[in-house]
Amino acid sequence: MAAILNTLFDRHRKPASSGSRRPGRSYSNQEVADWCTARGVEMSQTHLWNLRQEAKAVDPRVSHLKVIADFFGYRPAYFLDPEVYWETEAQLGNLPGDDQEEGELSIPRQNAKARVLMRRVDSLTESGKSLIAGLVEQVVEWERSHVQDSPDA
């Protein structure tokens, strides 16, 4: 659990300042805890720090895992079910390869714009979410038929 959390914190960073070539800084425990609390799941930065410690035997509540997964854009089962973890990693193209040892965690950097967009979509009504889902499907279909012919594809 701690290794997965630490990898998520390392890989998913705040957006860099405009014009900067360096990645943004990592989110702090306080920032993530505040985000979780604002969504109705009381969490302190100390509790989150404890969850991130390899030597600590902390059993997180499912509600904590759900909201932390939401923050980073993953399904809660990613933390709870090894099959879902490896399935997700396979879908993301992050299974161990020749340059990784078996079981080594490799979680991709989530595009900051996508993360912000997903948080905004999450605040919409179910009708709004349905409209966005339909629009995304139309764009995916359009790209399948048009982008395959592009030299950048």
N, C-alpha and C. Protein backbone atom coordinates (compact mmCIF):
# COMPACT_ATOMS: atom_id res chain seq x y z
N MET A 1 0.82 -1.19 0.00
CA MET A 1 0.00 0.00 0.00
C MET A 1 0.87 1.26 0.00
N ALA A 2 1.83 1.31 0.89
CA ALA A 2 2.68 2.50 0.98
C ALA A 2 3.44 2.73 -0.33
N ALA A 3 3.94 1.65 -0.93
CA ALA A 3 4.69 1.80 -2.18
C ALA A 3 3.81 2.35 -3.30
N ILE A 4 2.57 1.88 -3.37
CA ILE A 4 1.67 2.37 -4.40
C ILE A 4 1.37 3.85 -4.17
N LEU A 5 1.05 4.21 -2.93
CA LEU A 5 0.77 5.61 -2.62
C LEU A 5 1.96 6.51 -2.94
N ASN A 6 3.14 6.09 -2.53
CA ASN A 6 4.33 6.91 -2.78
C ASN A 6 4.60 7.06 -4.27
N THR A 7 4.35 6.01 -5.02
CA THR A 7 4.52 6.10 -6.47
C THR A 7 3.51 7.07 -7.07
N LEU A 8 2.26 7.02 -6.60
CA LEU A 8 1.25 7.95 -7.09
C LEU A 8 1.64 9.40 -6.79
N PHE A 9 2.10 9.65 -5.58
CA PHE A 9 2.53 11.00 -5.22
C PHE A 9 3.72 11.45 -6.07
N ASP A 10 4.62 10.52 -6.37
CA ASP A 10 5.80 10.88 -7.17
C ASP A 10 5.45 11.13 -8.63
N ARG A 11 4.56 10.35 -9.18
CA ARG A 11 4.26 10.43 -10.60
C ARG A 11 3.21 11.48 -10.97
N HIS A 12 2.26 11.71 -10.10
CA HIS A 12 1.17 12.65 -10.39
C HIS A 12 1.48 13.97 -9.70
N ARG A 13 1.92 14.92 -10.49
CA ARG A 13 2.38 16.19 -9.94
C ARG A 13 1.47 17.34 -10.34
N LYS A 14 1.64 18.41 -9.62
CA LYS A 14 0.91 19.63 -9.97
C LYS A 14 1.37 20.10 -11.33
N PRO A 15 0.52 20.82 -12.05
CA PRO A 15 0.96 21.37 -13.34
C PRO A 15 2.14 22.32 -13.13
N ALA A 16 3.08 22.26 -14.04
CA ALA A 16 4.24 23.16 -13.99
C ALA A 16 3.80 24.56 -14.36
N SER A 17 4.56 25.53 -13.90
CA SER A 17 4.25 26.91 -14.27
C SER A 17 4.44 27.06 -15.78
N SER A 18 3.68 27.97 -16.37
CA SER A 18 3.73 28.12 -17.83
C SER A 18 5.13 28.46 -18.28
N GLY A 19 5.55 27.82 -19.34
CA GLY A 19 6.86 28.05 -19.91
C GLY A 19 7.96 27.22 -19.27
N SER A 20 7.67 26.55 -18.17
CA SER A 20 8.68 25.76 -17.48
C SER A 20 8.83 24.40 -18.15
N ARG A 21 10.05 23.94 -18.25
CA ARG A 21 10.31 22.62 -18.82
C ARG A 21 10.39 21.57 -17.73
N ARG A 22 10.45 22.00 -16.49
CA ARG A 22 10.55 21.09 -15.36
C ARG A 22 9.15 20.64 -14.94
N PRO A 23 9.04 19.42 -14.44
CA PRO A 23 7.73 18.96 -13.98
C PRO A 23 7.29 19.76 -12.76
N GLY A 24 5.99 19.81 -12.54
CA GLY A 24 5.47 20.49 -11.37
C GLY A 24 5.89 19.76 -10.10
N ARG A 25 5.67 20.41 -8.97
CA ARG A 25 6.07 19.78 -7.71
C ARG A 25 5.03 18.75 -7.29
N SER A 26 5.44 17.86 -6.42
CA SER A 26 4.54 16.83 -5.91
C SER A 26 3.47 17.47 -5.03
N TYR A 27 2.33 16.82 -4.98
CA TYR A 27 1.30 17.24 -4.04
C TYR A 27 1.77 16.91 -2.64
N SER A 28 1.43 17.74 -1.69
CA SER A 28 1.79 17.47 -0.29
C SER A 28 0.71 16.61 0.35
N ASN A 29 1.06 15.97 1.45
CA ASN A 29 0.07 15.21 2.20
C ASN A 29 -1.09 16.11 2.61
N GLN A 30 -0.77 17.34 2.99
CA GLN A 30 -1.80 18.28 3.43
C GLN A 30 -2.76 18.62 2.31
N GLU A 31 -2.23 18.85 1.11
CA GLU A 31 -3.08 19.18 -0.04
C GLU A 31 -4.04 18.04 -0.36
N VAL A 32 -3.54 16.82 -0.35
CA VAL A 32 -4.39 15.67 -0.65
C VAL A 32 -5.40 15.45 0.48
N ALA A 33 -4.96 15.57 1.71
CA ALA A 33 -5.86 15.40 2.86
C ALA A 33 -6.97 16.46 2.83
N ASP A 34 -6.62 17.70 2.52
CA ASP A 34 -7.62 18.77 2.43
C ASP A 34 -8.62 18.48 1.32
N TRP A 35 -8.14 17.99 0.18
CA TRP A 35 -9.02 17.65 -0.95
C TRP A 35 -9.99 16.55 -0.54
N CYS A 36 -9.48 15.54 0.15
CA CYS A 36 -10.32 14.43 0.60
C CYS A 36 -11.38 14.92 1.60
N THR A 37 -10.95 15.74 2.55
CA THR A 37 -11.87 16.26 3.56
C THR A 37 -12.96 17.11 2.91
N ALA A 38 -12.58 17.89 1.91
CA ALA A 38 -13.55 18.74 1.21
C ALA A 38 -14.61 17.90 0.49
N ARG A 39 -14.31 16.63 0.23
CA ARG A 39 -15.26 15.74 -0.42
C ARG A 39 -15.99 14.86 0.58
N GLY A 40 -15.91 15.21 1.85
CA GLY A 40 -16.69 14.53 2.88
C GLY A 40 -16.02 13.36 3.56
N VAL A 41 -14.75 13.12 3.29
CA VAL A 41 -14.03 12.03 3.94
C VAL A 41 -12.94 12.67 4.80
N GLU A 42 -13.20 12.72 6.10
CA GLU A 42 -12.27 13.36 7.04
C GLU A 42 -10.93 12.64 7.01
N MET A 43 -9.87 13.41 6.74
CA MET A 43 -8.54 12.84 6.69
C MET A 43 -7.53 13.90 7.10
N SER A 44 -6.57 13.50 7.89
CA SER A 44 -5.51 14.43 8.30
C SER A 44 -4.25 14.13 7.49
N GLN A 45 -3.39 15.12 7.41
CA GLN A 45 -2.13 14.90 6.70
C GLN A 45 -1.29 13.88 7.45
N THR A 46 -1.43 13.80 8.78
CA THR A 46 -0.69 12.81 9.57
C THR A 46 -1.13 11.40 9.21
N HIS A 47 -2.43 11.20 9.06
CA HIS A 47 -2.92 9.87 8.68
C HIS A 47 -2.40 9.48 7.29
N LEU A 48 -2.43 10.43 6.38
CA LEU A 48 -1.92 10.15 5.04
C LEU A 48 -0.42 9.86 5.09
N TRP A 49 0.31 10.60 5.90
CA TRP A 49 1.74 10.35 6.07
C TRP A 49 1.95 8.93 6.59
N ASN A 50 1.15 8.51 7.57
CA ASN A 50 1.27 7.16 8.11
C ASN A 50 0.99 6.10 7.04
N LEU A 51 0.01 6.35 6.19
CA LEU A 51 -0.30 5.40 5.11
C LEU A 51 0.88 5.26 4.15
N ARG A 52 1.67 6.31 4.02
CA ARG A 52 2.79 6.30 3.07
C ARG A 52 4.08 5.72 3.65
N GLN A 53 4.08 5.34 4.91
CA GLN A 53 5.27 4.81 5.56
C GLN A 53 5.33 3.29 5.42
N GLU A 54 6.42 2.79 4.87
CA GLU A 54 6.60 1.36 4.67
C GLU A 54 6.58 0.59 5.99
N ALA A 55 7.17 1.17 7.04
CA ALA A 55 7.32 0.46 8.30
C ALA A 55 6.07 0.51 9.18
N LYS A 56 5.11 1.35 8.83
CA LYS A 56 3.89 1.48 9.64
C LYS A 56 2.86 0.45 9.20
N ALA A 57 2.24 -0.18 10.18
CA ALA A 57 1.15 -1.12 9.90
C ALA A 57 -0.15 -0.36 10.09
N VAL A 58 -0.60 0.30 9.03
CA VAL A 58 -1.82 1.10 9.08
C VAL A 58 -2.85 0.44 8.16
N ASP A 59 -4.03 0.22 8.71
CA ASP A 59 -5.11 -0.39 7.93
C ASP A 59 -6.08 0.72 7.55
N PRO A 60 -6.00 1.21 6.33
CA PRO A 60 -6.85 2.33 5.93
C PRO A 60 -8.31 1.92 5.79
N ARG A 61 -9.18 2.87 6.01
CA ARG A 61 -10.61 2.63 5.77
C ARG A 61 -10.84 2.61 4.27
N VAL A 62 -11.85 1.88 3.86
CA VAL A 62 -12.20 1.82 2.44
C VAL A 62 -12.57 3.22 1.95
N SER A 63 -13.25 4.01 2.79
CA SER A 63 -13.62 5.37 2.38
C SER A 63 -12.39 6.21 2.08
N HIS A 64 -11.30 5.98 2.82
CA HIS A 64 -10.06 6.71 2.55
C HIS A 64 -9.46 6.28 1.22
N LEU A 65 -9.45 4.98 0.97
CA LEU A 65 -8.90 4.48 -0.28
C LEU A 65 -9.70 4.98 -1.47
N LYS A 66 -11.02 5.02 -1.32
CA LYS A 66 -11.87 5.50 -2.42
C LYS A 66 -11.55 6.94 -2.78
N VAL A 67 -11.46 7.80 -1.79
CA VAL A 67 -11.24 9.22 -2.08
C VAL A 67 -9.81 9.48 -2.56
N ILE A 68 -8.84 8.74 -2.04
CA ILE A 68 -7.46 8.89 -2.52
C ILE A 68 -7.37 8.41 -3.98
N ALA A 69 -8.01 7.28 -4.28
CA ALA A 69 -8.04 6.79 -5.66
C ALA A 69 -8.67 7.83 -6.58
N ASP A 70 -9.75 8.45 -6.13
CA ASP A 70 -10.42 9.48 -6.91
C ASP A 70 -9.49 10.67 -7.16
N PHE A 71 -8.75 11.07 -6.16
CA PHE A 71 -7.82 12.19 -6.32
C PHE A 71 -6.83 11.92 -7.45
N PHE A 72 -6.29 10.71 -7.49
CA PHE A 72 -5.28 10.38 -8.49
C PHE A 72 -5.88 9.83 -9.79
N GLY A 73 -7.20 9.66 -9.85
CA GLY A 73 -7.84 9.23 -11.08
C GLY A 73 -7.85 7.73 -11.30
N TYR A 74 -7.87 6.95 -10.23
CA TYR A 74 -7.89 5.50 -10.33
C TYR A 74 -9.16 4.95 -9.70
N ARG A 75 -9.51 3.71 -10.05
CA ARG A 75 -10.63 3.04 -9.40
C ARG A 75 -10.18 2.60 -8.01
N PRO A 76 -11.06 2.63 -7.01
CA PRO A 76 -10.68 2.20 -5.66
C PRO A 76 -10.15 0.77 -5.61
N ALA A 77 -10.68 -0.10 -6.46
CA ALA A 77 -10.22 -1.49 -6.48
C ALA A 77 -8.74 -1.60 -6.84
N TYR A 78 -8.18 -0.57 -7.42
CA TYR A 78 -6.76 -0.54 -7.75
C TYR A 78 -5.91 -0.79 -6.50
N PHE A 79 -6.37 -0.28 -5.36
CA PHE A 79 -5.66 -0.47 -4.10
C PHE A 79 -6.01 -1.79 -3.41
N LEU A 80 -7.18 -2.33 -3.71
CA LEU A 80 -7.72 -3.44 -2.93
C LEU A 80 -7.60 -4.81 -3.59
N ASP A 81 -7.56 -4.84 -4.90
CA ASP A 81 -7.61 -6.10 -5.63
C ASP A 81 -6.41 -6.21 -6.55
N PRO A 82 -5.48 -7.13 -6.24
CA PRO A 82 -4.29 -7.26 -7.09
C PRO A 82 -4.61 -7.49 -8.56
N GLU A 83 -5.70 -8.21 -8.83
CA GLU A 83 -6.08 -8.46 -10.22
C GLU A 83 -6.43 -7.15 -10.93
N VAL A 84 -7.15 -6.28 -10.24
CA VAL A 84 -7.50 -4.98 -10.81
C VAL A 84 -6.25 -4.13 -10.98
N TYR A 85 -5.34 -4.19 -9.99
CA TYR A 85 -4.09 -3.44 -10.09
C TYR A 85 -3.33 -3.83 -11.37
N TRP A 86 -3.11 -5.13 -11.56
CA TRP A 86 -2.33 -5.58 -12.71
C TRP A 86 -3.08 -5.37 -14.03
N GLU A 87 -4.41 -5.50 -13.99
CA GLU A 87 -5.21 -5.23 -15.19
C GLU A 87 -5.07 -3.76 -15.58
N THR A 88 -5.13 -2.88 -14.60
CA THR A 88 -4.98 -1.45 -14.86
C THR A 88 -3.60 -1.15 -15.41
N GLU A 89 -2.59 -1.72 -14.80
CA GLU A 89 -1.22 -1.51 -15.27
C GLU A 89 -1.05 -2.01 -16.70
N ALA A 90 -1.66 -3.14 -17.02
CA ALA A 90 -1.58 -3.67 -18.38
C ALA A 90 -2.26 -2.73 -19.37
N GLN A 91 -3.43 -2.21 -19.00
CA GLN A 91 -4.14 -1.28 -19.87
C GLN A 91 -3.34 0.00 -20.09
N LEU A 92 -2.60 0.40 -19.07
CA LEU A 92 -1.80 1.62 -19.17
C LEU A 92 -0.43 1.36 -19.80
N GLY A 93 -0.12 0.10 -20.08
CA GLY A 93 1.16 -0.24 -20.68
C GLY A 93 2.31 -0.18 -19.70
N ASN A 94 2.05 -0.51 -18.45
CA ASN A 94 3.08 -0.40 -17.42
C ASN A 94 3.40 -1.71 -16.73
N LEU A 95 3.26 -2.81 -17.45
CA LEU A 95 3.68 -4.07 -16.85
C LEU A 95 5.19 -4.14 -16.85
N PRO A 96 5.77 -4.88 -15.90
CA PRO A 96 7.23 -4.98 -15.86
C PRO A 96 7.78 -5.48 -17.20
N GLY A 97 8.83 -4.83 -17.65
CA GLY A 97 9.48 -5.23 -18.89
C GLY A 97 10.92 -5.61 -18.62
N ASP A 98 11.73 -5.58 -19.64
CA ASP A 98 13.12 -5.97 -19.48
C ASP A 98 13.86 -5.02 -18.53
N ASP A 99 13.43 -3.76 -18.47
CA ASP A 99 14.14 -2.79 -17.64
C ASP A 99 13.56 -2.68 -16.23
N GLN A 100 12.57 -3.51 -15.89
CA GLN A 100 11.97 -3.48 -14.57
C GLN A 100 12.03 -4.86 -13.95
N GLU A 101 12.13 -4.89 -12.63
CA GLU A 101 12.07 -6.15 -11.93
C GLU A 101 10.62 -6.52 -11.72
N GLU A 102 10.33 -7.81 -11.61
CA GLU A 102 8.97 -8.29 -11.37
C GLU A 102 8.41 -7.63 -10.12
N GLY A 103 7.20 -7.10 -10.24
CA GLY A 103 6.54 -6.49 -9.11
C GLY A 103 6.88 -5.04 -8.88
N GLU A 104 7.86 -4.50 -9.60
CA GLU A 104 8.20 -3.09 -9.44
C GLU A 104 7.04 -2.24 -9.93
N LEU A 105 6.72 -1.21 -9.17
CA LEU A 105 5.59 -0.37 -9.54
C LEU A 105 6.00 0.64 -10.58
N SER A 106 5.15 0.81 -11.57
CA SER A 106 5.37 1.82 -12.58
C SER A 106 4.02 2.39 -12.95
N ILE A 107 3.73 3.57 -12.48
CA ILE A 107 2.43 4.19 -12.73
C ILE A 107 2.67 5.44 -13.55
N PRO A 108 1.93 5.61 -14.64
CA PRO A 108 2.22 6.72 -15.54
C PRO A 108 1.87 8.07 -14.94
N ARG A 109 2.49 9.10 -15.46
CA ARG A 109 2.11 10.45 -15.08
C ARG A 109 0.78 10.75 -15.75
N GLN A 110 -0.15 11.20 -14.95
CA GLN A 110 -1.44 11.55 -15.50
C GLN A 110 -1.37 12.98 -15.99
N ASN A 111 -1.84 13.22 -17.17
CA ASN A 111 -1.85 14.56 -17.73
C ASN A 111 -2.61 15.49 -16.80
N ALA A 112 -2.00 16.60 -16.43
CA ALA A 112 -2.61 17.53 -15.48
C ALA A 112 -3.93 18.08 -16.01
N LYS A 113 -3.98 18.38 -17.31
CA LYS A 113 -5.23 18.88 -17.88
C LYS A 113 -6.34 17.84 -17.77
N ALA A 114 -6.01 16.58 -17.99
CA ALA A 114 -7.01 15.52 -17.89
C ALA A 114 -7.50 15.39 -16.45
N ARG A 115 -6.60 15.50 -15.49
CA ARG A 115 -6.97 15.39 -14.08
C ARG A 115 -7.92 16.52 -13.68
N VAL A 116 -7.61 17.74 -14.10
CA VAL A 116 -8.47 18.88 -13.79
C VAL A 116 -9.83 18.71 -14.46
N LEU A 117 -9.82 18.27 -15.70
CA LEU A 117 -11.07 18.05 -16.43
C LEU A 117 -11.93 17.00 -15.73
N MET A 118 -11.32 15.91 -15.28
CA MET A 118 -12.07 14.86 -14.62
C MET A 118 -12.68 15.36 -13.31
N ARG A 119 -11.97 16.20 -12.59
CA ARG A 119 -12.54 16.75 -11.35
C ARG A 119 -13.73 17.64 -11.65
N ARG A 120 -13.65 18.40 -12.74
CA ARG A 120 -14.78 19.26 -13.11
C ARG A 120 -15.97 18.43 -13.56
N VAL A 121 -15.72 17.37 -14.32
CA VAL A 121 -16.79 16.50 -14.77
C VAL A 121 -17.46 15.85 -13.56
N ASP A 122 -16.67 15.49 -12.56
CA ASP A 122 -17.20 14.85 -11.36
C ASP A 122 -18.22 15.72 -10.65
N SER A 123 -18.13 17.03 -10.80
CA SER A 123 -19.05 17.94 -10.12
C SER A 123 -20.37 18.13 -10.90
N LEU A 124 -20.46 17.57 -12.10
CA LEU A 124 -21.67 17.72 -12.92
C LEU A 124 -22.78 16.79 -12.45
N THR A 125 -23.99 17.12 -12.87
CA THR A 125 -25.13 16.23 -12.63
C THR A 125 -24.97 14.98 -13.48
N GLU A 126 -25.80 13.98 -13.22
CA GLU A 126 -25.74 12.75 -14.02
C GLU A 126 -26.05 13.05 -15.49
N SER A 127 -26.96 13.99 -15.74
CA SER A 127 -27.27 14.37 -17.12
C SER A 127 -26.07 14.98 -17.80
N GLY A 128 -25.38 15.85 -17.09
CA GLY A 128 -24.18 16.48 -17.63
C GLY A 128 -23.10 15.45 -17.91
N LYS A 129 -22.93 14.50 -16.98
CA LYS A 129 -21.93 13.44 -17.17
C LYS A 129 -22.26 12.60 -18.40
N SER A 130 -23.56 12.32 -18.60
CA SER A 130 -23.98 11.54 -19.77
C SER A 130 -23.66 12.29 -21.06
N LEU A 131 -23.91 13.60 -21.07
CA LEU A 131 -23.58 14.39 -22.27
C LEU A 131 -22.09 14.35 -22.56
N ILE A 132 -21.27 14.52 -21.52
CA ILE A 132 -19.81 14.48 -21.69
C ILE A 132 -19.38 13.11 -22.20
N ALA A 133 -19.94 12.04 -21.63
CA ALA A 133 -19.57 10.69 -22.07
C ALA A 133 -19.90 10.49 -23.54
N GLY A 134 -21.07 10.98 -23.98
CA GLY A 134 -21.43 10.88 -25.39
C GLY A 134 -20.49 11.66 -26.28
N LEU A 135 -20.11 12.84 -25.83
CA LEU A 135 -19.18 13.66 -26.60
C LEU A 135 -17.81 12.97 -26.72
N VAL A 136 -17.35 12.40 -25.63
CA VAL A 136 -16.05 11.71 -25.65
C VAL A 136 -16.10 10.54 -26.63
N GLU A 137 -17.18 9.78 -26.62
CA GLU A 137 -17.32 8.66 -27.55
C GLU A 137 -17.28 9.14 -29.01
N GLN A 138 -17.94 10.27 -29.29
CA GLN A 138 -17.92 10.82 -30.65
C GLN A 138 -16.51 11.23 -31.05
N VAL A 139 -15.77 11.85 -30.15
CA VAL A 139 -14.40 12.27 -30.45
C VAL A 139 -13.52 11.05 -30.68
N VAL A 140 -13.68 10.01 -29.85
CA VAL A 140 -12.89 8.78 -30.02
C VAL A 140 -13.15 8.18 -31.40
N GLU A 141 -14.41 8.09 -31.79
CA GLU A 141 -14.75 7.55 -33.10
C GLU A 141 -14.18 8.42 -34.22
N TRP A 142 -14.29 9.74 -34.08
CA TRP A 142 -13.74 10.65 -35.08
C TRP A 142 -12.24 10.46 -35.22
N GLU A 143 -11.53 10.35 -34.08
CA GLU A 143 -10.08 10.16 -34.14
C GLU A 143 -9.71 8.82 -34.76
N ARG A 144 -10.47 7.80 -34.47
CA ARG A 144 -10.20 6.49 -35.07
C ARG A 144 -10.27 6.55 -36.60
N SER A 145 -11.24 7.31 -37.10
CA SER A 145 -11.41 7.36 -38.55
C SER A 145 -10.51 8.40 -39.22
N HIS A 146 -10.05 9.41 -38.49
CA HIS A 146 -9.24 10.46 -39.10
C HIS A 146 -7.77 10.45 -38.73
N VAL A 147 -7.47 10.09 -37.52
CA VAL A 147 -6.08 10.17 -37.06
C VAL A 147 -5.23 9.05 -37.59
N GLN A 148 -5.83 7.90 -37.93
CA GLN A 148 -5.05 6.78 -38.45
C GLN A 148 -4.34 7.15 -39.75
N ASP A 149 -4.90 8.08 -40.47
CA ASP A 149 -4.29 8.50 -41.73
C ASP A 149 -3.24 9.58 -41.53
N SER A 150 -3.15 10.12 -40.30
CA SER A 150 -2.22 11.21 -40.01
C SER A 150 -0.79 10.68 -39.89
N PRO A 151 0.21 11.45 -40.32
CA PRO A 151 1.60 11.01 -40.19
C PRO A 151 2.04 10.94 -38.73
N ASP A 152 1.32 11.61 -37.78
CA ASP A 152 1.70 11.58 -36.38
C ASP A 152 1.13 10.36 -35.67
N ALA A 153 0.22 9.62 -36.28
CA ALA A 153 -0.45 8.50 -35.62
C ALA A 153 0.48 7.34 -35.45
